[in-house]
Amino acid sequence: FLLVLDNRFSDIELREEEGIPTEEFLESCYAIVPVLDKLGPTVFAPVKMDFVGNIKKINQKFITNKEEFDTLQKIVLHEVNAGVAQVRNSATEALLWLKRGLKFLKGFLTEVKNGEKNIQTAL
C-alpha cells in the first residue's frame, strides 16, 4: 500500500534558499490519511482527526495567498513577523503538531516493519 502513494515526501524538491514547497507538502500529507484508515480506523481515529485538522489549518493559510505562502518557511516567517506564530490554531502551531504526528507515525511503522505484531507495543 505504501509503495503506491502518488505523493511522497521524498519526491518533494526543496527550493534553494526558499525551502519546502507548501502545496507539494500538503499533497503528501493528504496522501497519508488513507494509510491511517488502513492501519485501524478505530485505533488511529484520534491521530487521523489531529492530522487532518493540522493539514487544514496550514492549507487555510496557504490558500489566502498561494504566491506569498508558496513555501512552509514563508508561512512561518510571516507568522513570526506578525507575532502570531505561537497563537492557538496558527499555521505554525499546526505545522509543529503535524511534524510530531508524522514522527509518531514513522516510529510506529518502523516498529511494525521490524516485526512488532502487537499494535499497543508498536504504538
C-alpha atoms as a PDB file:
ATOM      1  CA  PHE A   1       0.000   0.000   0.000  1.00  0.00           C
ATOM      2  CA  LEU A   2       2.726   2.478   0.935  1.00  0.00           C
ATOM      3  CA  LEU A   3       4.606   1.798  -2.272  1.00  0.00           C
ATOM      4  CA  VAL A   4       1.758   3.092  -4.448  1.00  0.00           C
ATOM      5  CA  LEU A   5       1.352   6.527  -2.873  1.00  0.00           C
ATOM      6  CA  ASP A   6       1.189   9.183  -5.586  1.00  0.00           C
ATOM      7  CA  ASN A   7       2.558  11.967  -3.415  1.00  0.00           C
ATOM      8  CA  ARG A   8       5.644  11.128  -1.383  1.00  0.00           C
ATOM      9  CA  PHE A   9       7.670  13.387   0.840  1.00  0.00           C
ATOM     10  CA  SER A  10      10.822  12.007  -0.733  1.00  0.00           C
ATOM     11  CA  ASP A  11       9.673  13.313  -4.134  1.00  0.00           C
ATOM     12  CA  ILE A  12       9.388  16.912  -2.948  1.00  0.00           C
ATOM     13  CA  GLU A  13      12.119  19.073  -4.426  1.00  0.00           C
ATOM     14  CA  LEU A  14      13.397  21.620  -1.937  1.00  0.00           C
ATOM     15  CA  ARG A  15      13.722  25.111  -3.333  1.00  0.00           C
ATOM     16  CA  GLU A  16      17.188  26.592  -2.989  1.00  0.00           C
ATOM     17  CA  GLU A  17      17.120  29.255  -0.260  1.00  0.00           C
ATOM     18  CA  GLU A  18      13.312  29.094  -0.037  1.00  0.00           C
ATOM     19  CA  GLY A  19      12.613  25.688   1.483  1.00  0.00           C
ATOM     20  CA  ILE A  20       9.753  23.222   1.316  1.00  0.00           C
ATOM     21  CA  PRO A  21       7.004  23.887  -1.257  1.00  0.00           C
ATOM     22  CA  THR A  22       3.719  24.193   0.630  1.00  0.00           C
ATOM     23  CA  GLU A  23       1.423  22.674  -1.971  1.00  0.00           C
ATOM     24  CA  GLU A  24       3.528  19.560  -2.525  1.00  0.00           C
ATOM     25  CA  PHE A  25       3.972  19.101   1.221  1.00  0.00           C
ATOM     26  CA  LEU A  26       0.213  19.311   1.801  1.00  0.00           C
ATOM     27  CA  GLU A  27      -0.458  16.851  -1.032  1.00  0.00           C
ATOM     28  CA  SER A  28       1.957  14.387   0.569  1.00  0.00           C
ATOM     29  CA  CYS A  29       0.268  14.850   3.943  1.00  0.00           C
ATOM     30  CA  TYR A  30      -3.199  14.269   2.473  1.00  0.00           C
ATOM     31  CA  ALA A  31      -1.889  11.101   0.784  1.00  0.00           C
ATOM     32  CA  ILE A  32      -1.131   9.619   4.213  1.00  0.00           C
ATOM     33  CA  VAL A  33      -4.698   9.969   5.523  1.00  0.00           C
ATOM     34  CA  PRO A  34      -5.946   6.740   3.835  1.00  0.00           C
ATOM     35  CA  VAL A  35      -2.968   4.923   5.375  1.00  0.00           C
ATOM     36  CA  LEU A  36      -4.317   5.792   8.817  1.00  0.00           C
ATOM     37  CA  ASP A  37      -7.659   4.237   7.856  1.00  0.00           C
ATOM     38  CA  LYS A  38      -5.910   1.071   6.693  1.00  0.00           C
ATOM     39  CA  LEU A  39      -3.927   0.849   9.935  1.00  0.00           C
ATOM     40  CA  GLY A  40      -7.061   0.857  12.015  1.00  0.00           C
ATOM     41  CA  PRO A  41      -9.973   3.267  11.721  1.00  0.00           C
ATOM     42  CA  THR A  42     -10.757   2.979  15.420  1.00  0.00           C
ATOM     43  CA  VAL A  43      -7.283   2.931  16.939  1.00  0.00           C
ATOM     44  CA  PHE A  44      -5.997   5.689  14.670  1.00  0.00           C
ATOM     45  CA  ALA A  45      -9.154   7.842  14.663  1.00  0.00           C
ATOM     46  CA  PRO A  46      -7.738  10.429  17.107  1.00  0.00           C
ATOM     47  CA  VAL A  47      -4.438  10.541  15.207  1.00  0.00           C
ATOM     48  CA  LYS A  48      -6.277  10.969  11.912  1.00  0.00           C
ATOM     49  CA  MET A  49      -8.500  13.723  13.299  1.00  0.00           C
ATOM     50  CA  ASP A  50      -5.493  15.633  14.629  1.00  0.00           C
ATOM     51  CA  PHE A  51      -3.531  15.036  11.443  1.00  0.00           C
ATOM     52  CA  VAL A  52      -6.315  16.237   9.133  1.00  0.00           C
ATOM     53  CA  GLY A  53      -7.081  19.226  11.351  1.00  0.00           C
ATOM     54  CA  ASN A  54      -3.474  20.399  11.208  1.00  0.00           C
ATOM     55  CA  ILE A  55      -3.270  19.884   7.454  1.00  0.00           C
ATOM     56  CA  LYS A  56      -6.402  22.010   7.042  1.00  0.00           C
ATOM     57  CA  LYS A  57      -5.006  24.826   9.196  1.00  0.00           C
ATOM     58  CA  ILE A  58      -1.875  25.024   7.074  1.00  0.00           C
ATOM     59  CA  ASN A  59      -3.926  24.789   3.880  1.00  0.00           C
ATOM     60  CA  GLN A  60      -6.228  27.599   5.038  1.00  0.00           C
ATOM     61  CA  LYS A  61      -3.218  29.877   5.472  1.00  0.00           C
ATOM     62  CA  PHE A  62      -1.778  28.764   2.129  1.00  0.00           C
ATOM     63  CA  ILE A  63      -4.940  29.486   0.131  1.00  0.00           C
ATOM     64  CA  THR A  64      -5.140  33.051   1.471  1.00  0.00           C
ATOM     65  CA  ASN A  65      -2.153  33.899  -0.723  1.00  0.00           C
ATOM     66  CA  LYS A  66      -0.651  30.980  -2.648  1.00  0.00           C
ATOM     67  CA  GLU A  67       2.098  33.098  -4.188  1.00  0.00           C
ATOM     68  CA  GLU A  68       3.258  34.637  -0.907  1.00  0.00           C
ATOM     69  CA  PHE A  69       2.987  31.365   1.038  1.00  0.00           C
ATOM     70  CA  ASP A  70       4.424  29.024  -1.577  1.00  0.00           C
ATOM     71  CA  THR A  71       6.844  27.524   0.984  1.00  0.00           C
ATOM     72  CA  LEU A  72       6.338  26.438   4.572  1.00  0.00           C
ATOM     73  CA  GLN A  73       9.213  28.654   5.630  1.00  0.00           C
ATOM     74  CA  LYS A  74       7.462  31.739   4.219  1.00  0.00           C
ATOM     75  CA  ILE A  75       4.324  30.898   6.198  1.00  0.00           C
ATOM     76  CA  VAL A  76       6.289  30.515   9.415  1.00  0.00           C
ATOM     77  CA  LEU A  77       8.333  33.681   8.847  1.00  0.00           C
ATOM     78  CA  HIS A  78       5.176  35.640   8.079  1.00  0.00           C
ATOM     79  CA  GLU A  79       3.515  34.450  11.288  1.00  0.00           C
ATOM     80  CA  VAL A  80       6.653  35.077  13.361  1.00  0.00           C
ATOM     81  CA  ASN A  81       6.935  38.626  11.997  1.00  0.00           C
ATOM     82  CA  ALA A  82       3.215  39.215  12.602  1.00  0.00           C
ATOM     83  CA  GLY A  83       3.561  37.921  16.164  1.00  0.00           C
ATOM     84  CA  VAL A  84       1.013  35.149  15.686  1.00  0.00           C
ATOM     85  CA  ALA A  85       3.246  32.084  15.313  1.00  0.00           C
ATOM     86  CA  GLN A  86       2.504  30.927  18.856  1.00  0.00           C
ATOM     87  CA  VAL A  87      -1.191  31.758  18.739  1.00  0.00           C
ATOM     88  CA  ARG A  88      -3.542  28.795  19.061  1.00  0.00           C
ATOM     89  CA  ASN A  89      -4.578  27.451  15.645  1.00  0.00           C
ATOM     90  CA  SER A  90      -1.833  29.282  13.769  1.00  0.00           C
ATOM     91  CA  ALA A  91      -0.360  27.548  10.738  1.00  0.00           C
ATOM     92  CA  THR A  92       2.981  27.481  12.551  1.00  0.00           C
ATOM     93  CA  GLU A  93       1.488  25.645  15.526  1.00  0.00           C
ATOM     94  CA  ALA A  94      -0.305  23.276  13.140  1.00  0.00           C
ATOM     95  CA  LEU A  95       2.972  22.581  11.351  1.00  0.00           C
ATOM     96  CA  LEU A  96       4.663  21.783  14.658  1.00  0.00           C
ATOM     97  CA  TRP A  97       1.924  19.291  15.616  1.00  0.00           C
ATOM     98  CA  LEU A  98       1.840  17.838  12.115  1.00  0.00           C
ATOM     99  CA  LYS A  99       5.583  17.228  12.319  1.00  0.00           C
ATOM    100  CA  ARG A 100       5.089  15.465  15.649  1.00  0.00           C
ATOM    101  CA  GLY A 101       2.303  13.353  14.137  1.00  0.00           C
ATOM    102  CA  LEU A 102       4.471  12.379  11.183  1.00  0.00           C
ATOM    103  CA  LYS A 103       7.319  11.461  13.512  1.00  0.00           C
ATOM    104  CA  PHE A 104       4.938   9.330  15.608  1.00  0.00           C
ATOM    105  CA  LEU A 105       3.593   7.581  12.503  1.00  0.00           C
ATOM    106  CA  LYS A 106       7.116   6.931  11.221  1.00  0.00           C
ATOM    107  CA  GLY A 107       8.091   5.416  14.581  1.00  0.00           C
ATOM    108  CA  PHE A 108       5.005   3.210  14.616  1.00  0.00           C
ATOM    109  CA  LEU A 109       5.554   1.989  11.050  1.00  0.00           C
ATOM    110  CA  THR A 110       9.215   1.318  11.827  1.00  0.00           C
ATOM    111  CA  GLU A 111       8.183  -0.892  14.760  1.00  0.00           C
ATOM    112  CA  VAL A 112       5.738  -2.800  12.533  1.00  0.00           C
ATOM    113  CA  LYS A 113       8.346  -3.125   9.776  1.00  0.00           C
ATOM    114  CA  ASN A 114      10.796  -4.505  12.325  1.00  0.00           C
ATOM    115  CA  GLY A 115       8.347  -7.282  13.170  1.00  0.00           C
ATOM    116  CA  GLU A 116       6.269  -5.983  16.078  1.00  0.00           C
ATOM    117  CA  LYS A 117       2.888  -7.723  15.899  1.00  0.00           C
ATOM    118  CA  ASN A 118       1.236  -6.100  18.928  1.00  0.00           C
ATOM    119  CA  ILE A 119      -0.262  -2.713  17.984  1.00  0.00           C
ATOM    120  CA  GLN A 120      -0.144  -1.405  21.554  1.00  0.00           C
ATOM    121  CA  THR A 121       3.541  -2.232  21.848  1.00  0.00           C
ATOM    122  CA  ALA A 122       4.279  -0.664  18.474  1.00  0.00           C
ATOM    123  CA  LEU A 123       2.384   2.464  19.494  1.00  0.00           C
END
